[in-house]
C-alpha atoms as a PDB file:
ATOM      1  CA  MET A   1     -54.514  49.439 -38.351  1.00  0.00           C
ATOM      2  CA  LEU A   2     -54.215  46.021 -39.639  1.00  0.00           C
ATOM      3  CA  ASN A   3     -51.042  44.035 -39.622  1.00  0.00           C
ATOM      4  CA  LYS A   4     -50.746  42.971 -43.239  1.00  0.00           C
ATOM      5  CA  THR A   5     -47.522  40.651 -42.779  1.00  0.00           C
ATOM      6  CA  PRO A   6     -48.293  37.097 -43.478  1.00  0.00           C
ATOM      7  CA  LYS A   7     -48.243  34.625 -40.635  1.00  0.00           C
ATOM      8  CA  ASN A   8     -45.563  32.570 -42.249  1.00  0.00           C
ATOM      9  CA  LYS A   9     -43.098  35.436 -42.061  1.00  0.00           C
ATOM     10  CA  ASN A  10     -43.767  35.756 -38.300  1.00  0.00           C
ATOM     11  CA  ARG A  11     -43.238  32.220 -37.797  1.00  0.00           C
ATOM     12  CA  LEU A  12     -39.956  32.278 -39.819  1.00  0.00           C
ATOM     13  CA  GLU A  13     -38.703  35.244 -37.628  1.00  0.00           C
ATOM     14  CA  TYR A  14     -39.632  33.330 -34.492  1.00  0.00           C
ATOM     15  CA  ALA A  15     -37.843  30.224 -35.674  1.00  0.00           C
ATOM     16  CA  MET A  16     -34.721  32.331 -36.468  1.00  0.00           C
ATOM     17  CA  ARG A  17     -34.661  33.870 -33.066  1.00  0.00           C
ATOM     18  CA  ILE A  18     -34.940  30.415 -31.422  1.00  0.00           C
ATOM     19  CA  ALA A  19     -32.191  29.079 -33.632  1.00  0.00           C
ATOM     20  CA  LEU A  20     -29.950  31.911 -32.366  1.00  0.00           C
ATOM     21  CA  ILE A  21     -30.804  31.620 -28.717  1.00  0.00           C
ATOM     22  CA  LEU A  22     -30.875  27.867 -28.264  1.00  0.00           C
ATOM     23  CA  PRO A  23     -27.129  27.273 -29.125  1.00  0.00           C
ATOM     24  CA  LEU A  24     -26.215  30.060 -26.697  1.00  0.00           C
ATOM     25  CA  PHE A  25     -28.255  28.498 -23.936  1.00  0.00           C
ATOM     26  CA  PHE A  26     -26.673  25.121 -24.483  1.00  0.00           C
ATOM     27  CA  MET A  27     -23.119  26.632 -24.471  1.00  0.00           C
ATOM     28  CA  VAL A  28     -23.863  28.313 -21.086  1.00  0.00           C
ATOM     29  CA  LEU A  29     -25.074  24.965 -19.731  1.00  0.00           C
ATOM     30  CA  HIS A  30     -22.030  23.064 -21.209  1.00  0.00           C
ATOM     31  CA  ALA A  31     -19.446  25.277 -19.832  1.00  0.00           C
ATOM     32  CA  PRO A  32     -19.750  24.353 -16.058  1.00  0.00           C
ATOM     33  CA  ALA A  33     -20.002  20.705 -17.021  1.00  0.00           C
ATOM     34  CA  GLN A  34     -16.631  20.951 -18.924  1.00  0.00           C
ATOM     35  CA  GLU A  35     -15.080  22.765 -15.996  1.00  0.00           C
ATOM     36  CA  LYS A  36     -16.336  20.115 -13.670  1.00  0.00           C
ATOM     37  CA  ILE A  37     -14.727  17.407 -15.838  1.00  0.00           C
ATOM     38  CA  ASN A  38     -11.428  19.317 -15.838  1.00  0.00           C
ATOM     39  CA  ASN A  39     -11.571  19.611 -12.144  1.00  0.00           C
ATOM     40  CA  LYS A  40     -12.021  15.896 -11.738  1.00  0.00           C
ATOM     41  CA  LYS A  41      -8.979  15.306 -13.976  1.00  0.00           C
ATOM     42  CA  ARG A  42      -6.894  17.674 -11.952  1.00  0.00           C
ATOM     43  CA  MET A  43      -7.951  15.906  -8.765  1.00  0.00           C
ATOM     44  CA  LYS A  44      -7.193  12.468 -10.230  1.00  0.00           C
ATOM     45  CA  GLN A  45      -3.678  13.762 -11.299  1.00  0.00           C
ATOM     46  CA  ALA A  46      -3.070  15.178  -7.858  1.00  0.00           C
ATOM     47  CA  GLU A  47      -4.007  11.909  -6.169  1.00  0.00           C
ATOM     48  CA  LYS A  48      -1.711  10.008  -8.543  1.00  0.00           C
ATOM     49  CA  GLN A  49       1.094  12.374  -7.687  1.00  0.00           C
ATOM     50  CA  GLU A  50       0.591  11.845  -3.956  1.00  0.00           C
ATOM     51  CA  ILE A  51       0.589   8.111  -4.356  1.00  0.00           C
ATOM     52  CA  LYS A  52       3.810   8.258  -6.272  1.00  0.00           C
ATOM     53  CA  GLU A  53       5.380  10.604  -3.711  1.00  0.00           C
ATOM     54  CA  ALA A  54       4.270   8.246  -0.881  1.00  0.00           C
ATOM     55  CA  ARG A  55       5.762   5.171  -2.675  1.00  0.00           C
ATOM     56  CA  ARG A  56       9.011   7.102  -3.330  1.00  0.00           C
ATOM     57  CA  GLN A  57       9.210   8.154   0.354  1.00  0.00           C
ATOM     58  CA  LYS A  58       8.549   4.667   1.593  1.00  0.00           C
ATOM     59  CA  LYS A  59      11.161   3.232  -0.699  1.00  0.00           C
ATOM     60  CA  GLU A  60      13.657   5.845   0.439  1.00  0.00           C
ATOM     61  CA  GLU A  61      13.098   4.953   4.126  1.00  0.00           C
ATOM     62  CA  GLU A  62      13.507   1.268   3.366  1.00  0.00           C
ATOM     63  CA  ASN A  63      16.803   1.982   1.701  1.00  0.00           C
ATOM     64  CA  LEU A  64      17.995   4.118   4.676  1.00  0.00           C
ATOM     65  CA  ARG A  65      16.999   1.262   6.997  1.00  0.00           C
ATOM     66  CA  LYS A  66      18.903  -1.283   4.969  1.00  0.00           C
ATOM     67  CA  GLN A  67      21.935   1.003   4.838  1.00  0.00           C
ATOM     68  CA  HIS A  68      21.795   1.511   8.584  1.00  0.00           C
ATOM     69  CA  LEU A  69      21.763  -2.286   9.060  1.00  0.00           C
ATOM     70  CA  LYS A  70      24.679  -2.785   6.747  1.00  0.00           C
ATOM     71  CA  ILE A  71      26.784  -0.388   8.730  1.00  0.00           C
ATOM     72  CA  GLN A  72      26.389  -2.363  11.911  1.00  0.00           C
ATOM     73  CA  SER A  73      28.844  -5.089  12.921  1.00  0.00           C
ATOM     74  CA  LYS A  74      27.704  -8.701  12.766  1.00  0.00           C
ATOM     75  CA  ALA A  75      27.292  -8.969  16.568  1.00  0.00           C
ATOM     76  CA  THR A  76      25.180  -5.807  16.574  1.00  0.00           C
ATOM     77  CA  GLN A  77      23.046  -7.086  13.763  1.00  0.00           C
ATOM     78  CA  LYS A  78      22.462 -10.353  15.576  1.00  0.00           C
ATOM     79  CA  ARG A  79      21.607  -8.332  18.821  1.00  0.00           C
ATOM     80  CA  MET A  80      19.094  -6.059  16.860  1.00  0.00           C
ATOM     81  CA  LYS A  81      17.575  -9.093  15.328  1.00  0.00           C
ATOM     82  CA  LYS A  82      16.964 -10.775  18.656  1.00  0.00           C
ATOM     83  CA  SER A  83      15.542  -7.696  20.294  1.00  0.00           C
ATOM     84  CA  ARG A  84      13.226  -7.252  17.245  1.00  0.00           C
ATOM     85  CA  LYS A  85      11.893 -10.756  17.580  1.00  0.00           C
ATOM     86  CA  LYS A  86      11.385 -10.387  21.254  1.00  0.00           C
ATOM     87  CA  ALA A  87       9.486  -7.072  20.888  1.00  0.00           C
ATOM     88  CA  LYS A  88       7.252  -8.724  18.129  1.00  0.00           C
ATOM     89  CA  LYS A  89       6.560 -11.664  20.502  1.00  0.00           C
ATOM     90  CA  ASN A  90       5.711  -9.467  23.459  1.00  0.00           C
ATOM     91  CA  ARG A  91       3.542  -7.243  21.274  1.00  0.00           C
ATOM     92  CA  GLU A  92       1.376 -10.245  20.221  1.00  0.00           C
ATOM     93  CA  VAL A  93       0.923 -11.382  23.776  1.00  0.00           C
ATOM     94  CA  LYS A  94       0.042  -8.066  25.121  1.00  0.00           C
ATOM     95  CA  GLY A  95      -3.653  -7.348  24.996  1.00  0.00           C
ATOM     96  CA  GLU A  96      -5.328  -4.136  24.048  1.00  0.00           C
ATOM     97  CA  PRO A  97      -5.732  -1.343  26.615  1.00  0.00           C
ATOM     98  CA  PHE A  98      -8.840  -1.306  28.759  1.00  0.00           C
ATOM     99  CA  TYR A  99     -10.120   2.030  27.351  1.00  0.00           C
ATOM    100  CA  LYS A 100     -10.202   0.743  23.799  1.00  0.00           C
ATOM    101  CA  LYS A 101     -12.782  -1.740  24.959  1.00  0.00           C
ATOM    102  CA  TRP A 102     -15.015   1.024  25.959  1.00  0.00           C
ATOM    103  CA  PHE A 103     -15.099   2.513  22.602  1.00  0.00           C
ATOM    104  CA  ARG A 104     -15.233  -0.620  20.562  1.00  0.00           C
ATOM    105  CA  LYS A 105     -18.134  -0.722  18.014  1.00  0.00           C
ATOM    106  CA  TYR A 106     -19.994  -3.958  18.029  1.00  0.00           C
END
């Protein structure tokens, strides 16, 4: 039995099959990439949200500290300022602990 269909018809059918399968293949490849992009956007938004929250919290703590200082009497404020300066001065003079020298990277 001989196949009497022309070769052009077979080629046309083959091309049609490829034309149908190829877009499906690219859609399958494109879907994970799109999901990955969306994931990155979500991560970026979450990081921005964390930064905003940290800023807000820091600002709130600063306002509480200022309010605490306003409540104190003039003499107490002066005494607090002196002790803060003294602590800062002592902290600068004091060296680092001996065990930190052991783990220092050169």
